[in-house]
Amino acid sequence: MSSTESEHLSTVALVESSNNPTGFQLVNTYHTNHVEDPSDLVALAEQVQKADEFIRANASNRLTVIAEQIRLLQEQARKVLEDAKKDADLHHVACNMVKRPGNIYHLYMRESGQRYFSILSPNDWGPGHPHEFLGSYKLQHDMSWTPHGNIEQRDQEISIIDKVLSQQIALPSSREPNFQGLTS
């Protein structure tokens, strides 16, 4: 017997037997009608080793999935923090009007470096708008800002979410009792 086989044999747990003088019985000869064979013990050890390998591989695969989820969550957290910083920055831009959610505001910068919001777009100013145009943003109802190029996509996403939420509200609660068929 090789050292590898003896290692496997030392890790195989057998059920104690009170009918066997050695204390263990690999196969119940009464039910199997054959004599115990040392190769049965080796086969049992190999089965235990395969089980260990499968368990290790399964755990490794599951941990890999969790590690990938952690990376995705870290990326999402980074993006949330970046978006919050951008939104806070835009909320602190000079503005001489009350900003209302749902409206589009146009960001300009004066020669002095001061940024400000206006309701006038570059087209509204005509060919000679007085300051550098930096971009247009829609103020969302959650007080976040959406760049002009992303407004249509964001509005579609919000519309889908609103539909899902309105359907959820329209559905009866699963906790409500169902009395159908109970009346006589």
Protein backbone atom coordinates (compact mmCIF):
# COMPACT_ATOMS: atom_id res chain seq x y z
CA MET A 1 0.00 0.00 0.00
CA SER A 2 1.43 3.41 -0.97
CA SER A 3 1.83 6.30 1.46
CA THR A 4 -0.99 8.16 -0.35
CA GLU A 5 -3.33 5.23 0.15
CA SER A 6 -2.36 4.96 3.79
CA GLU A 7 -3.07 8.71 4.23
CA HIS A 8 -6.52 8.18 2.79
CA LEU A 9 -7.08 5.17 5.01
CA SER A 10 -6.20 7.17 8.08
CA THR A 11 -8.82 9.83 7.22
CA VAL A 12 -11.70 7.43 6.49
CA ALA A 13 -14.17 7.17 9.34
CA LEU A 14 -15.86 3.80 9.66
CA VAL A 15 -18.91 2.85 11.66
CA GLU A 16 -18.13 0.78 14.71
CA SER A 17 -19.45 -2.77 14.72
CA SER A 18 -20.13 -4.83 17.81
CA ASN A 19 -20.19 -8.08 15.76
CA ASN A 20 -16.67 -7.68 14.39
CA PRO A 21 -13.62 -8.39 16.63
CA THR A 22 -11.65 -5.53 14.95
CA GLY A 23 -14.43 -3.13 15.85
CA PHE A 24 -15.23 -2.05 12.27
CA GLN A 25 -17.02 -3.67 9.40
CA LEU A 26 -16.80 -2.09 5.93
CA VAL A 27 -19.56 -4.13 4.30
CA ASN A 28 -22.36 -6.05 5.91
CA THR A 29 -21.67 -9.53 4.49
CA TYR A 30 -25.12 -10.68 5.52
CA HIS A 31 -26.70 -8.30 2.96
CA THR A 32 -24.03 -8.32 0.23
CA ASN A 33 -23.07 -12.01 0.09
CA HIS A 34 -19.40 -11.30 -0.52
CA VAL A 35 -16.28 -11.24 1.60
CA GLU A 36 -14.74 -7.96 2.73
CA ASP A 37 -11.97 -6.87 0.42
CA PRO A 38 -9.15 -4.41 1.31
CA SER A 39 -9.80 -2.63 -1.99
CA ASP A 40 -13.26 -1.68 -0.65
CA LEU A 41 -11.52 0.41 1.99
CA VAL A 42 -9.34 2.06 -0.68
CA ALA A 43 -12.46 2.79 -2.77
CA LEU A 44 -14.11 4.33 0.29
CA ALA A 45 -11.02 6.49 0.91
CA GLU A 46 -11.03 7.61 -2.73
CA GLN A 47 -14.70 8.51 -2.45
CA VAL A 48 -13.99 10.61 0.65
CA GLN A 49 -11.10 12.32 -1.18
CA LYS A 50 -13.33 13.09 -4.18
CA ALA A 51 -15.96 14.51 -1.85
CA ASP A 52 -13.31 16.72 -0.22
CA GLU A 53 -12.16 17.94 -3.65
CA PHE A 54 -15.74 18.70 -4.75
CA ILE A 55 -16.46 20.53 -1.51
CA ARG A 56 -13.26 22.57 -1.86
CA ALA A 57 -14.05 23.39 -5.51
CA ASN A 58 -17.64 24.29 -4.66
CA ALA A 59 -16.54 26.55 -1.80
CA SER A 60 -13.92 28.14 -4.04
CA ASN A 61 -16.48 28.80 -6.78
CA ARG A 62 -18.94 30.30 -4.34
CA LEU A 63 -16.24 32.49 -2.78
CA THR A 64 -15.24 33.64 -6.27
CA VAL A 65 -18.84 34.70 -6.91
CA ILE A 66 -18.91 36.57 -3.59
CA ALA A 67 -15.58 38.27 -4.39
CA GLU A 68 -16.99 39.43 -7.74
CA GLN A 69 -20.12 40.72 -6.00
CA ILE A 70 -17.90 42.63 -3.56
CA ARG A 71 -16.00 44.20 -6.47
CA LEU A 72 -19.31 45.21 -8.11
CA LEU A 73 -20.62 46.66 -4.84
CA GLN A 74 -17.38 48.61 -4.36
CA GLU A 75 -17.72 50.00 -7.90
CA GLN A 76 -21.35 50.93 -7.25
CA ALA A 77 -20.40 52.59 -3.96
CA ARG A 78 -17.66 54.57 -5.72
CA LYS A 79 -20.15 55.72 -8.38
CA VAL A 80 -22.75 56.68 -5.73
CA LEU A 81 -20.13 58.80 -3.94
CA GLU A 82 -19.00 60.43 -7.20
CA ASP A 83 -22.61 61.20 -8.16
CA ALA A 84 -23.34 62.62 -4.70
CA LYS A 85 -20.27 64.85 -4.94
CA LYS A 86 -21.31 66.05 -8.42
CA ASP A 87 -24.89 66.69 -7.25
CA ALA A 88 -23.71 68.59 -4.17
CA ASP A 89 -21.32 70.62 -6.31
CA LEU A 90 -24.13 71.57 -8.72
CA HIS A 91 -26.45 72.51 -5.83
CA HIS A 92 -23.81 74.99 -4.63
CA VAL A 93 -23.56 76.75 -7.99
CA ALA A 94 -24.70 80.39 -7.90
CA CYS A 95 -28.34 80.81 -8.89
CA ASN A 96 -30.72 83.76 -8.55
CA MET A 97 -33.91 81.69 -8.72
CA VAL A 98 -35.56 78.87 -6.86
CA LYS A 99 -34.67 75.63 -8.65
CA ARG A 100 -37.65 73.35 -9.18
CA PRO A 101 -37.44 69.60 -9.84
CA GLY A 102 -38.35 68.63 -13.38
CA ASN A 103 -36.82 71.75 -14.95
CA ILE A 104 -33.66 72.03 -17.04
CA TYR A 105 -31.00 74.52 -15.99
CA HIS A 106 -28.03 75.72 -18.03
CA LEU A 107 -24.62 76.10 -16.45
CA TYR A 108 -22.34 78.98 -17.44
CA MET A 109 -19.01 80.33 -16.23
CA ARG A 110 -18.08 84.01 -16.02
CA GLU A 111 -14.59 85.28 -16.83
CA SER A 112 -14.04 85.53 -13.08
CA GLY A 113 -14.47 81.76 -12.77
CA GLN A 114 -17.86 81.97 -11.06
CA ARG A 115 -20.28 79.33 -12.26
CA TYR A 116 -24.00 80.05 -12.33
CA PHE A 117 -27.25 78.49 -13.45
CA SER A 118 -29.62 80.14 -15.88
CA ILE A 119 -32.96 79.14 -17.36
CA LEU A 120 -31.73 80.50 -20.70
CA SER A 121 -30.09 77.98 -23.01
CA PRO A 122 -27.31 78.96 -25.42
CA ASN A 123 -29.96 79.03 -28.21
CA ASP A 124 -32.07 81.46 -26.16
CA TRP A 125 -29.11 83.85 -25.96
CA GLY A 126 -28.64 83.77 -29.72
CA PRO A 127 -25.21 83.95 -31.36
CA GLY A 128 -23.61 86.02 -28.60
CA HIS A 129 -24.20 84.39 -25.22
CA PRO A 130 -22.21 86.34 -22.67
CA HIS A 131 -20.39 83.56 -20.83
CA GLU A 132 -18.83 80.15 -21.41
CA PHE A 133 -21.50 77.43 -21.59
CA LEU A 134 -20.59 74.37 -19.48
CA GLY A 135 -23.67 72.18 -19.93
CA SER A 136 -27.35 71.68 -19.24
CA TYR A 137 -28.81 69.62 -16.40
CA LYS A 138 -32.25 68.48 -15.35
CA LEU A 139 -33.03 68.69 -11.65
CA GLN A 140 -34.70 65.41 -10.73
CA HIS A 141 -37.35 65.00 -8.02
CA ASP A 142 -34.80 63.21 -5.83
CA MET A 143 -32.70 66.42 -6.11
CA SER A 144 -30.06 64.74 -8.25
CA TRP A 145 -28.87 66.27 -11.51
CA THR A 146 -28.99 64.54 -14.89
CA PRO A 147 -26.74 65.83 -17.69
CA HIS A 148 -28.70 66.91 -20.79
CA GLY A 149 -27.41 63.97 -22.88
CA ASN A 150 -28.77 61.46 -20.35
CA ILE A 151 -32.18 63.03 -19.69
CA GLU A 152 -34.18 60.85 -22.11
CA GLN A 153 -32.64 57.62 -20.79
CA ARG A 154 -33.12 58.67 -17.16
CA ASP A 155 -36.74 59.68 -17.81
CA GLN A 156 -37.39 56.24 -19.35
CA GLU A 157 -35.81 54.52 -16.32
CA ILE A 158 -37.92 56.60 -13.94
CA SER A 159 -41.05 55.83 -16.00
CA ILE A 160 -40.37 52.08 -15.75
CA ILE A 161 -39.81 52.34 -12.00
CA ASP A 162 -43.02 54.34 -11.60
CA LYS A 163 -44.97 51.67 -13.53
CA VAL A 164 -43.53 48.88 -11.37
CA LEU A 165 -44.32 50.79 -8.18
CA SER A 166 -47.88 51.60 -9.28
CA GLN A 167 -48.47 47.94 -10.11
CA GLN A 168 -47.13 46.90 -6.70
CA ILE A 169 -49.48 49.36 -5.00
CA ALA A 170 -52.44 48.03 -7.03
CA LEU A 171 -51.75 44.41 -6.03
CA PRO A 172 -53.55 43.20 -2.91
CA SER A 173 -51.39 42.36 0.04
CA SER A 174 -50.56 38.66 0.34
CA ARG A 175 -51.35 38.94 4.04
CA GLU A 176 -55.01 39.70 3.39
CA PRO A 177 -57.21 36.64 3.93
CA ASN A 178 -58.83 35.09 0.89
CA PHE A 179 -62.52 34.52 1.67
CA GLN A 180 -63.51 33.29 -1.79
CA GLY A 181 -65.51 30.08 -1.62
CA LEU A 182 -65.98 30.32 2.15
CA THR A 183 -69.55 31.66 2.01
CA SER A 184 -72.36 29.18 2.04
